Amino acid sequence: MSMKAIIISILCLGNLALKAQGKIVYKFDRPVIDSLQIGIQKYKKAYHKSNSEIKLYATIVERDGDIEIYLLEYSFLPPGGLLNLIKATNREIKISDNFSLPVLFPSDRLSENIIDDKIQSLPLSGFYVKIIYSNYKMNTIQTATLF
């Protein structure tokens, strides 16, 4: 096999590996996005920051067939651990064309990124949105601020 063929093979494999780690985008119906935007606005007002400055992430929990989303601000986190996990995640909720939220799950506490920090569970506080499915549509049935 020629050197050119080997280089092309390596580039193709590298490209496949990059595509395999592409973004996973979670899409929610309009009522849910509207509820999340209310939470985002509350954080922006509390921290006096714009969309480009605010540092939020979402933890998604599935419980008894319903979905719960917890929005939290992370600019105060120390380097390492949870901050690294938030920055490394390839999962996001698309809020608008130019704004999305990184997504974590409670099981991420087992990730190599934070296992050494001995975090027992991810924080489930902040702005809370509870979603139910009814007639194949998502509806927000509860929002709250859990601080």
C-alpha atoms as a PDB file:
ATOM      1  CA  MET A   1       0.000   0.000   0.000  1.00  0.00           C
ATOM      2  CA  SER A   2       1.359   3.374  -0.931  1.00  0.00           C
ATOM      3  CA  MET A   3       2.005   6.178   1.528  1.00  0.00           C
ATOM      4  CA  LYS A   4      -0.744   8.241  -0.129  1.00  0.00           C
ATOM      5  CA  ALA A   5      -3.319   5.480   0.447  1.00  0.00           C
ATOM      6  CA  ILE A   6      -2.269   5.153   4.095  1.00  0.00           C
ATOM      7  CA  ILE A   7      -2.624   8.897   4.672  1.00  0.00           C
ATOM      8  CA  ILE A   8      -6.047   8.968   3.016  1.00  0.00           C
ATOM      9  CA  SER A   9      -7.160   6.006   5.155  1.00  0.00           C
ATOM     10  CA  ILE A  10      -5.999   7.723   8.342  1.00  0.00           C
ATOM     11  CA  LEU A  11      -7.798  10.947   7.391  1.00  0.00           C
ATOM     12  CA  CYS A  12     -11.023   9.045   6.641  1.00  0.00           C
ATOM     13  CA  LEU A  13     -10.891   7.237   9.985  1.00  0.00           C
ATOM     14  CA  GLY A  14     -10.207  10.509  11.789  1.00  0.00           C
ATOM     15  CA  ASN A  15     -13.173  12.122  10.071  1.00  0.00           C
ATOM     16  CA  LEU A  16     -15.452   9.241  11.124  1.00  0.00           C
ATOM     17  CA  ALA A  17     -14.271   9.554  14.722  1.00  0.00           C
ATOM     18  CA  LEU A  18     -15.070  13.271  14.724  1.00  0.00           C
ATOM     19  CA  LYS A  19     -18.543  12.693  13.305  1.00  0.00           C
ATOM     20  CA  ALA A  20     -19.217  10.017  15.912  1.00  0.00           C
ATOM     21  CA  GLN A  21     -18.618  12.642  18.595  1.00  0.00           C
ATOM     22  CA  GLY A  22     -20.797  15.313  17.017  1.00  0.00           C
ATOM     23  CA  LYS A  23     -23.334  17.325  18.952  1.00  0.00           C
ATOM     24  CA  ILE A  24     -26.502  15.691  20.268  1.00  0.00           C
ATOM     25  CA  VAL A  25     -29.256  18.308  20.191  1.00  0.00           C
ATOM     26  CA  TYR A  26     -32.377  17.837  22.309  1.00  0.00           C
ATOM     27  CA  LYS A  27     -35.427  19.480  20.794  1.00  0.00           C
ATOM     28  CA  PHE A  28     -38.397  20.471  22.905  1.00  0.00           C
ATOM     29  CA  ASP A  29     -41.824  21.799  21.911  1.00  0.00           C
ATOM     30  CA  ARG A  30     -42.508  25.546  22.086  1.00  0.00           C
ATOM     31  CA  PRO A  31     -44.203  25.575  25.545  1.00  0.00           C
ATOM     32  CA  VAL A  32     -41.104  23.979  27.077  1.00  0.00           C
ATOM     33  CA  ILE A  33     -38.700  26.361  25.297  1.00  0.00           C
ATOM     34  CA  ASP A  34     -40.847  29.294  26.457  1.00  0.00           C
ATOM     35  CA  SER A  35     -40.596  28.060  30.060  1.00  0.00           C
ATOM     36  CA  LEU A  36     -36.825  27.615  29.759  1.00  0.00           C
ATOM     37  CA  GLN A  37     -36.527  31.142  28.345  1.00  0.00           C
ATOM     38  CA  ILE A  38     -38.328  32.464  31.440  1.00  0.00           C
ATOM     39  CA  GLY A  39     -35.678  30.762  33.574  1.00  0.00           C
ATOM     40  CA  ILE A  40     -32.876  32.121  31.403  1.00  0.00           C
ATOM     41  CA  GLN A  41     -34.304  35.635  31.728  1.00  0.00           C
ATOM     42  CA  LYS A  42     -34.439  35.254  35.526  1.00  0.00           C
ATOM     43  CA  TYR A  43     -30.756  34.294  35.603  1.00  0.00           C
ATOM     44  CA  LYS A  44     -29.802  37.118  33.229  1.00  0.00           C
ATOM     45  CA  LYS A  45     -31.616  39.612  35.434  1.00  0.00           C
ATOM     46  CA  ALA A  46     -30.149  38.204  38.678  1.00  0.00           C
ATOM     47  CA  TYR A  47     -26.571  38.152  37.341  1.00  0.00           C
ATOM     48  CA  HIS A  48     -26.897  41.267  35.122  1.00  0.00           C
ATOM     49  CA  LYS A  49     -25.585  39.388  32.080  1.00  0.00           C
ATOM     50  CA  SER A  50     -26.505  38.967  28.405  1.00  0.00           C
ATOM     51  CA  ASN A  51     -27.035  35.708  26.484  1.00  0.00           C
ATOM     52  CA  SER A  52     -23.383  35.679  25.462  1.00  0.00           C
ATOM     53  CA  GLU A  53     -22.187  36.272  29.034  1.00  0.00           C
ATOM     54  CA  ILE A  54     -24.491  34.030  31.066  1.00  0.00           C
ATOM     55  CA  LYS A  55     -23.097  30.575  31.897  1.00  0.00           C
ATOM     56  CA  LEU A  56     -26.000  28.129  32.252  1.00  0.00           C
ATOM     57  CA  TYR A  57     -26.322  24.386  31.929  1.00  0.00           C
ATOM     58  CA  ALA A  58     -29.273  22.012  32.157  1.00  0.00           C
ATOM     59  CA  THR A  59     -29.577  18.749  34.034  1.00  0.00           C
ATOM     60  CA  ILE A  60     -32.294  16.512  32.561  1.00  0.00           C
ATOM     61  CA  VAL A  61     -33.961  13.902  34.769  1.00  0.00           C
ATOM     62  CA  GLU A  62     -36.576  11.385  33.643  1.00  0.00           C
ATOM     63  CA  ARG A  63     -38.867  10.411  36.504  1.00  0.00           C
ATOM     64  CA  ASP A  64     -42.041   8.316  36.271  1.00  0.00           C
ATOM     65  CA  GLY A  65     -42.385   9.035  32.546  1.00  0.00           C
ATOM     66  CA  ASP A  66     -42.121  12.798  33.038  1.00  0.00           C
ATOM     67  CA  ILE A  67     -39.087  14.954  32.296  1.00  0.00           C
ATOM     68  CA  GLU A  68     -37.590  17.458  34.696  1.00  0.00           C
ATOM     69  CA  ILE A  69     -35.071  20.091  33.658  1.00  0.00           C
ATOM     70  CA  TYR A  70     -32.956  22.021  36.154  1.00  0.00           C
ATOM     71  CA  LEU A  71     -31.172  25.165  34.930  1.00  0.00           C
ATOM     72  CA  LEU A  72     -28.095  26.208  36.872  1.00  0.00           C
ATOM     73  CA  GLU A  73     -25.528  28.977  36.528  1.00  0.00           C
ATOM     74  CA  TYR A  74     -21.919  27.747  36.546  1.00  0.00           C
ATOM     75  CA  SER A  75     -19.609  30.785  36.327  1.00  0.00           C
ATOM     76  CA  PHE A  76     -18.747  30.400  40.031  1.00  0.00           C
ATOM     77  CA  LEU A  77     -17.528  26.783  39.730  1.00  0.00           C
ATOM     78  CA  PRO A  78     -13.858  26.164  40.451  1.00  0.00           C
ATOM     79  CA  PRO A  79     -11.649  24.746  37.674  1.00  0.00           C
ATOM     80  CA  GLY A  80     -11.792  20.995  37.144  1.00  0.00           C
ATOM     81  CA  GLY A  81     -14.490  18.494  37.987  1.00  0.00           C
ATOM     82  CA  LEU A  82     -18.002  19.619  37.185  1.00  0.00           C
ATOM     83  CA  LEU A  83     -16.830  22.617  35.157  1.00  0.00           C
ATOM     84  CA  ASN A  84     -14.764  20.329  32.897  1.00  0.00           C
ATOM     85  CA  LEU A  85     -17.769  18.033  32.442  1.00  0.00           C
ATOM     86  CA  ILE A  86     -20.031  20.941  31.448  1.00  0.00           C
ATOM     87  CA  LYS A  87     -17.484  22.218  28.940  1.00  0.00           C
ATOM     88  CA  ALA A  88     -16.804  18.739  27.514  1.00  0.00           C
ATOM     89  CA  THR A  89     -20.388  17.598  26.979  1.00  0.00           C
ATOM     90  CA  ASN A  90     -21.542  17.205  23.393  1.00  0.00           C
ATOM     91  CA  ARG A  91     -25.240  17.343  24.392  1.00  0.00           C
ATOM     92  CA  GLU A  92     -27.272  20.526  24.242  1.00  0.00           C
ATOM     93  CA  ILE A  93     -30.769  21.983  24.285  1.00  0.00           C
ATOM     94  CA  LYS A  94     -31.272  24.406  21.435  1.00  0.00           C
ATOM     95  CA  ILE A  95     -33.089  27.462  22.765  1.00  0.00           C
ATOM     96  CA  SER A  96     -32.682  29.630  19.666  1.00  0.00           C
ATOM     97  CA  ASP A  97     -30.497  29.783  16.568  1.00  0.00           C
ATOM     98  CA  ASN A  98     -27.710  31.459  18.538  1.00  0.00           C
ATOM     99  CA  PHE A  99     -28.183  30.104  22.067  1.00  0.00           C
ATOM    100  CA  SER A 100     -28.055  26.594  23.483  1.00  0.00           C
ATOM    101  CA  LEU A 101     -27.555  25.015  26.894  1.00  0.00           C
ATOM    102  CA  PRO A 102     -25.076  22.234  27.667  1.00  0.00           C
ATOM    103  CA  VAL A 103     -26.883  19.153  29.015  1.00  0.00           C
ATOM    104  CA  LEU A 104     -25.892  16.816  31.837  1.00  0.00           C
ATOM    105  CA  PHE A 105     -27.635  13.776  33.298  1.00  0.00           C
ATOM    106  CA  PRO A 106     -27.494  12.553  36.919  1.00  0.00           C
ATOM    107  CA  SER A 107     -25.503   9.505  35.799  1.00  0.00           C
ATOM    108  CA  ASP A 108     -22.719  11.844  34.621  1.00  0.00           C
ATOM    109  CA  ARG A 109     -21.473  11.800  38.223  1.00  0.00           C
ATOM    110  CA  LEU A 110     -19.816   8.519  37.202  1.00  0.00           C
ATOM    111  CA  SER A 111     -17.880  10.276  34.443  1.00  0.00           C
ATOM    112  CA  GLU A 112     -14.101  10.238  34.561  1.00  0.00           C
ATOM    113  CA  ASN A 113     -14.310  14.038  34.450  1.00  0.00           C
ATOM    114  CA  ILE A 114     -15.702  14.250  37.982  1.00  0.00           C
ATOM    115  CA  ILE A 115     -15.404  10.830  39.643  1.00  0.00           C
ATOM    116  CA  ASP A 116     -12.187  11.891  41.397  1.00  0.00           C
ATOM    117  CA  ASP A 117     -14.064  14.857  42.914  1.00  0.00           C
ATOM    118  CA  LYS A 118     -16.269  12.354  44.787  1.00  0.00           C
ATOM    119  CA  ILE A 119     -19.495  14.159  43.854  1.00  0.00           C
ATOM    120  CA  GLN A 120     -22.376  12.094  45.221  1.00  0.00           C
ATOM    121  CA  SER A 121     -24.949  13.601  42.864  1.00  0.00           C
ATOM    122  CA  LEU A 122     -25.353  16.490  40.461  1.00  0.00           C
ATOM    123  CA  PRO A 123     -27.142  19.487  41.944  1.00  0.00           C
ATOM    124  CA  LEU A 124     -30.878  19.423  41.281  1.00  0.00           C
ATOM    125  CA  SER A 125     -31.725  23.012  42.060  1.00  0.00           C
ATOM    126  CA  GLY A 126     -32.001  26.306  40.221  1.00  0.00           C
ATOM    127  CA  PHE A 127     -34.813  27.009  37.775  1.00  0.00           C
ATOM    128  CA  TYR A 128     -37.029  23.919  37.495  1.00  0.00           C
ATOM    129  CA  VAL A 129     -39.296  22.870  34.616  1.00  0.00           C
ATOM    130  CA  LYS A 130     -41.503  19.764  34.748  1.00  0.00           C
ATOM    131  CA  ILE A 131     -42.722  18.393  31.429  1.00  0.00           C
ATOM    132  CA  ILE A 132     -45.395  15.799  30.679  1.00  0.00           C
ATOM    133  CA  TYR A 133     -46.407  14.170  27.427  1.00  0.00           C
ATOM    134  CA  SER A 134     -50.060  14.399  26.512  1.00  0.00           C
ATOM    135  CA  ASN A 135     -51.386  13.357  23.101  1.00  0.00           C
ATOM    136  CA  TYR A 136     -47.794  13.122  21.793  1.00  0.00           C
ATOM    137  CA  LYS A 137     -47.065  16.746  22.726  1.00  0.00           C
ATOM    138  CA  MET A 138     -44.849  18.164  25.448  1.00  0.00           C
ATOM    139  CA  ASN A 139     -46.498  20.432  27.964  1.00  0.00           C
ATOM    140  CA  THR A 140     -44.910  22.336  30.811  1.00  0.00           C
ATOM    141  CA  ILE A 141     -46.971  21.680  33.904  1.00  0.00           C
ATOM    142  CA  GLN A 142     -44.777  23.272  36.532  1.00  0.00           C
ATOM    143  CA  THR A 143     -41.975  25.777  36.840  1.00  0.00           C
ATOM    144  CA  ALA A 144     -40.279  26.826  40.051  1.00  0.00           C
ATOM    145  CA  THR A 145     -37.150  28.429  41.388  1.00  0.00           C
ATOM    146  CA  LEU A 146     -35.364  25.981  43.693  1.00  0.00           C
ATOM    147  CA  PHE A 147     -32.562  27.839  45.476  1.00  0.00           C
END
